Amino acid sequence: MASETTTTTDHDEIRRWVEDHGGRPATVRGTSGSDAAGVLRIDFPGGADEDDLDHIDWAEWFTKFESQKLALLYQQHKADGEDSTFHKLVSR
């Protein structure tokens, strides 16, 4: 089975995929401005060291996502059919 990736800007699709995989919206600690989220991340269980991330709400995450004109590329499943949390924020 080949792995399958999808690229989307649809907020509902992004949120559903992230939450279905146990993820939460986050920003890299120390990169936030006084009025805006910093470098965006998605925090999945077992992922990056949580000490390096600050969880934020979806509204704040999507505001930054839109202002930076980003899209989410994500993998539906690995080549062996196993579920995947591989993702990348890319320019539109």
N, C-alpha and C. Protein backbone atom coordinates (compact mmCIF):
# COMPACT_ATOMS: atom_id res chain seq x y z
N MET A 1 0.84 -1.18 0.00
CA MET A 1 0.00 0.00 0.00
C MET A 1 0.89 1.24 0.00
N ALA A 2 0.61 2.18 -0.86
CA ALA A 2 1.38 3.42 -0.92
C ALA A 2 0.85 4.41 0.12
N SER A 3 1.75 5.24 0.63
CA SER A 3 1.30 6.27 1.56
C SER A 3 0.56 7.34 0.76
N GLU A 4 -0.35 8.02 1.43
CA GLU A 4 -1.18 9.02 0.77
C GLU A 4 -1.07 10.33 1.54
N THR A 5 -0.81 11.43 0.84
CA THR A 5 -0.76 12.74 1.49
C THR A 5 -1.84 13.63 0.90
N THR A 6 -2.25 14.59 1.72
CA THR A 6 -3.26 15.56 1.34
C THR A 6 -2.76 16.93 1.74
N THR A 7 -3.03 17.94 0.95
CA THR A 7 -2.74 19.32 1.31
C THR A 7 -4.05 20.07 1.37
N THR A 8 -4.24 20.82 2.46
CA THR A 8 -5.51 21.52 2.65
C THR A 8 -5.32 22.84 3.40
N THR A 9 -6.27 23.73 3.18
CA THR A 9 -6.36 24.97 3.96
C THR A 9 -7.68 25.01 4.72
N ASP A 10 -8.49 23.97 4.59
CA ASP A 10 -9.80 23.91 5.22
C ASP A 10 -9.68 23.74 6.74
N HIS A 11 -10.14 24.72 7.48
CA HIS A 11 -9.99 24.72 8.93
C HIS A 11 -10.66 23.51 9.58
N ASP A 12 -11.86 23.16 9.13
CA ASP A 12 -12.56 22.02 9.72
C ASP A 12 -11.82 20.71 9.46
N GLU A 13 -11.30 20.55 8.27
CA GLU A 13 -10.55 19.34 7.92
C GLU A 13 -9.27 19.25 8.75
N ILE A 14 -8.56 20.36 8.90
CA ILE A 14 -7.33 20.38 9.69
C ILE A 14 -7.62 20.03 11.14
N ARG A 15 -8.59 20.71 11.71
CA ARG A 15 -8.93 20.47 13.12
C ARG A 15 -9.35 19.02 13.34
N ARG A 16 -10.17 18.50 12.45
CA ARG A 16 -10.65 17.11 12.57
C ARG A 16 -9.47 16.13 12.52
N TRP A 17 -8.56 16.32 11.53
CA TRP A 17 -7.42 15.40 11.41
C TRP A 17 -6.54 15.47 12.65
N VAL A 18 -6.24 16.68 13.10
CA VAL A 18 -5.38 16.85 14.28
C VAL A 18 -6.02 16.20 15.50
N GLU A 19 -7.28 16.51 15.77
CA GLU A 19 -7.94 15.99 16.97
C GLU A 19 -8.17 14.49 16.88
N ASP A 20 -8.43 13.97 15.68
CA ASP A 20 -8.59 12.52 15.52
C ASP A 20 -7.32 11.76 15.86
N HIS A 21 -6.18 12.45 15.79
CA HIS A 21 -4.88 11.84 16.10
C HIS A 21 -4.35 12.28 17.46
N GLY A 22 -5.20 12.92 18.27
CA GLY A 22 -4.80 13.30 19.62
C GLY A 22 -3.95 14.55 19.70
N GLY A 23 -3.88 15.32 18.62
CA GLY A 23 -3.03 16.51 18.60
C GLY A 23 -3.72 17.76 19.12
N ARG A 24 -2.90 18.77 19.37
CA ARG A 24 -3.38 20.07 19.85
C ARG A 24 -2.60 21.18 19.15
N PRO A 25 -3.26 22.33 18.90
CA PRO A 25 -2.55 23.45 18.29
C PRO A 25 -1.56 24.05 19.28
N ALA A 26 -0.41 24.46 18.77
CA ALA A 26 0.64 24.98 19.64
C ALA A 26 1.50 25.99 18.89
N THR A 27 2.30 26.68 19.67
CA THR A 27 3.30 27.61 19.13
C THR A 27 4.61 27.32 19.86
N VAL A 28 5.73 27.57 19.19
CA VAL A 28 7.04 27.34 19.80
C VAL A 28 7.25 28.41 20.87
N ARG A 29 7.56 27.97 22.06
CA ARG A 29 7.78 28.87 23.19
C ARG A 29 8.88 29.88 22.86
N GLY A 30 8.62 31.14 23.18
CA GLY A 30 9.61 32.18 22.97
C GLY A 30 9.55 32.84 21.60
N THR A 31 8.62 32.42 20.74
CA THR A 31 8.54 33.01 19.41
C THR A 31 7.31 33.90 19.24
N SER A 32 6.49 34.00 20.28
CA SER A 32 5.26 34.79 20.20
C SER A 32 5.56 36.27 20.35
N GLY A 33 4.75 37.08 19.65
CA GLY A 33 4.80 38.52 19.84
C GLY A 33 3.78 38.89 20.90
N SER A 34 3.67 40.16 21.21
CA SER A 34 2.74 40.59 22.24
C SER A 34 1.29 40.38 21.82
N ASP A 35 1.03 40.36 20.52
CA ASP A 35 -0.35 40.23 20.07
C ASP A 35 -0.56 39.12 19.04
N ALA A 36 0.41 38.25 18.86
CA ALA A 36 0.26 37.22 17.84
C ALA A 36 0.98 35.94 18.25
N ALA A 37 0.48 34.83 17.75
CA ALA A 37 1.13 33.54 17.98
C ALA A 37 2.49 33.54 17.30
N GLY A 38 3.37 32.71 17.82
CA GLY A 38 4.69 32.58 17.21
C GLY A 38 4.70 31.51 16.14
N VAL A 39 5.79 30.78 16.07
CA VAL A 39 5.95 29.72 15.08
C VAL A 39 4.95 28.60 15.39
N LEU A 40 4.11 28.29 14.42
CA LEU A 40 3.04 27.31 14.62
C LEU A 40 3.56 25.88 14.60
N ARG A 41 2.94 25.07 15.43
CA ARG A 41 3.20 23.64 15.49
C ARG A 41 1.89 22.94 15.80
N ILE A 42 1.90 21.62 15.58
CA ILE A 42 0.83 20.76 16.08
C ILE A 42 1.52 19.79 17.02
N ASP A 43 1.02 19.70 18.24
CA ASP A 43 1.62 18.86 19.26
C ASP A 43 0.86 17.55 19.35
N PHE A 44 1.52 16.45 18.95
CA PHE A 44 0.95 15.12 19.06
C PHE A 44 1.59 14.40 20.24
N PRO A 45 0.84 13.51 20.89
CA PRO A 45 1.43 12.72 21.98
C PRO A 45 2.69 12.02 21.51
N GLY A 46 3.74 12.12 22.32
CA GLY A 46 5.01 11.49 21.97
C GLY A 46 5.83 12.28 20.98
N GLY A 47 5.37 13.50 20.66
CA GLY A 47 6.09 14.34 19.69
C GLY A 47 7.18 15.15 20.36
N ALA A 48 7.28 16.42 19.96
CA ALA A 48 8.32 17.33 20.48
C ALA A 48 8.21 17.45 22.00
N ASP A 49 9.29 17.84 22.60
CA ASP A 49 9.30 18.07 24.04
C ASP A 49 8.30 19.16 24.38
N GLU A 50 7.28 18.82 25.16
CA GLU A 50 6.22 19.76 25.48
C GLU A 50 6.74 21.02 26.15
N ASP A 51 7.93 20.95 26.76
CA ASP A 51 8.50 22.14 27.40
C ASP A 51 8.84 23.20 26.37
N ASP A 52 8.94 22.83 25.10
CA ASP A 52 9.29 23.77 24.04
C ASP A 52 8.07 24.39 23.37
N LEU A 53 6.85 23.91 23.74
CA LEU A 53 5.64 24.37 23.09
C LEU A 53 4.66 24.97 24.08
N ASP A 54 3.90 25.95 23.61
CA ASP A 54 2.78 26.50 24.36
C ASP A 54 1.52 26.16 23.58
N HIS A 55 0.57 25.51 24.24
CA HIS A 55 -0.69 25.20 23.57
C HIS A 55 -1.51 26.49 23.46
N ILE A 56 -2.15 26.66 22.31
CA ILE A 56 -3.00 27.82 22.06
C ILE A 56 -4.34 27.32 21.55
N ASP A 57 -5.32 28.21 21.50
CA ASP A 57 -6.62 27.78 21.01
C ASP A 57 -6.63 27.80 19.48
N TRP A 58 -7.63 27.12 18.93
CA TRP A 58 -7.71 27.02 17.48
C TRP A 58 -7.88 28.37 16.80
N ALA A 59 -8.64 29.27 17.42
CA ALA A 59 -8.86 30.59 16.80
C ALA A 59 -7.54 31.32 16.61
N GLU A 60 -6.70 31.32 17.64
CA GLU A 60 -5.39 31.98 17.54
C GLU A 60 -4.50 31.28 16.51
N TRP A 61 -4.52 29.95 16.53
CA TRP A 61 -3.71 29.17 15.60
C TRP A 61 -4.11 29.47 14.16
N PHE A 62 -5.42 29.47 13.88
CA PHE A 62 -5.88 29.72 12.52
C PHE A 62 -5.69 31.17 12.08
N THR A 63 -5.71 32.11 13.00
CA THR A 63 -5.42 33.50 12.66
C THR A 63 -4.00 33.60 12.11
N LYS A 64 -3.05 32.99 12.79
CA LYS A 64 -1.65 32.99 12.34
C LYS A 64 -1.51 32.19 11.04
N PHE A 65 -2.19 31.06 10.96
CA PHE A 65 -2.18 30.20 9.77
C PHE A 65 -2.59 31.00 8.54
N GLU A 66 -3.66 31.78 8.66
CA GLU A 66 -4.16 32.58 7.54
C GLU A 66 -3.24 33.76 7.24
N SER A 67 -2.76 34.45 8.28
CA SER A 67 -1.90 35.62 8.04
C SER A 67 -0.58 35.24 7.38
N GLN A 68 -0.13 34.02 7.62
CA GLN A 68 1.11 33.53 7.01
C GLN A 68 0.86 32.81 5.68
N LYS A 69 -0.42 32.72 5.29
CA LYS A 69 -0.81 32.04 4.04
C LYS A 69 -0.23 30.63 3.96
N LEU A 70 -0.56 29.84 5.00
CA LEU A 70 -0.06 28.48 5.09
C LEU A 70 -1.11 27.47 4.63
N ALA A 71 -0.66 26.27 4.37
CA ALA A 71 -1.50 25.11 4.11
C ALA A 71 -0.91 23.96 4.92
N LEU A 72 -1.73 22.96 5.21
CA LEU A 72 -1.26 21.79 5.92
C LEU A 72 -1.15 20.62 4.95
N LEU A 73 0.05 20.06 4.85
CA LEU A 73 0.26 18.83 4.12
C LEU A 73 0.31 17.74 5.19
N TYR A 74 -0.53 16.72 5.05
CA TYR A 74 -0.52 15.65 6.04
C TYR A 74 -0.63 14.29 5.37
N GLN A 75 -0.12 13.30 6.07
CA GLN A 75 -0.11 11.93 5.56
C GLN A 75 -1.29 11.18 6.18
N GLN A 76 -2.10 10.56 5.33
CA GLN A 76 -3.25 9.79 5.80
C GLN A 76 -2.80 8.53 6.53
N HIS A 77 -1.83 7.83 5.95
CA HIS A 77 -1.31 6.61 6.54
C HIS A 77 0.08 6.32 5.97
N LYS A 78 0.82 5.52 6.69
CA LYS A 78 2.15 5.12 6.24
C LYS A 78 2.02 4.08 5.13
N ALA A 79 3.11 3.80 4.45
CA ALA A 79 3.11 2.84 3.36
C ALA A 79 2.64 1.45 3.82
N ASP A 80 2.88 1.13 5.09
CA ASP A 80 2.45 -0.18 5.61
C ASP A 80 0.99 -0.19 6.06
N GLY A 81 0.30 0.95 5.86
CA GLY A 81 -1.11 1.05 6.22
C GLY A 81 -1.36 1.57 7.62
N GLU A 82 -0.31 1.70 8.42
CA GLU A 82 -0.44 2.19 9.78
C GLU A 82 -0.82 3.67 9.76
N ASP A 83 -1.59 4.10 10.76
CA ASP A 83 -1.99 5.49 10.89
C ASP A 83 -0.75 6.38 11.01
N SER A 84 -0.84 7.62 10.52
CA SER A 84 0.32 8.51 10.52
C SER A 84 -0.05 9.88 11.08
N THR A 85 0.91 10.50 11.74
CA THR A 85 0.76 11.90 12.17
C THR A 85 1.77 12.80 11.45
N PHE A 86 2.38 12.29 10.38
CA PHE A 86 3.31 13.12 9.63
C PHE A 86 2.56 14.30 9.03
N HIS A 87 3.13 15.48 9.21
CA HIS A 87 2.51 16.69 8.67
C HIS A 87 3.59 17.75 8.47
N LYS A 88 3.23 18.75 7.69
CA LYS A 88 4.15 19.85 7.44
C LYS A 88 3.31 21.08 7.10
N LEU A 89 3.65 22.21 7.68
CA LEU A 89 3.02 23.47 7.31
C LEU A 89 3.80 24.03 6.14
N VAL A 90 3.12 24.31 5.05
CA VAL A 90 3.76 24.76 3.80
C VAL A 90 3.10 26.04 3.32
N SER A 91 3.81 26.78 2.50
CA SER A 91 3.25 27.99 1.88
C SER A 91 2.22 27.59 0.84
N ARG A 92 1.21 28.44 0.69
CA ARG A 92 0.17 28.18 -0.32
C ARG A 92 0.73 28.49 -1.69
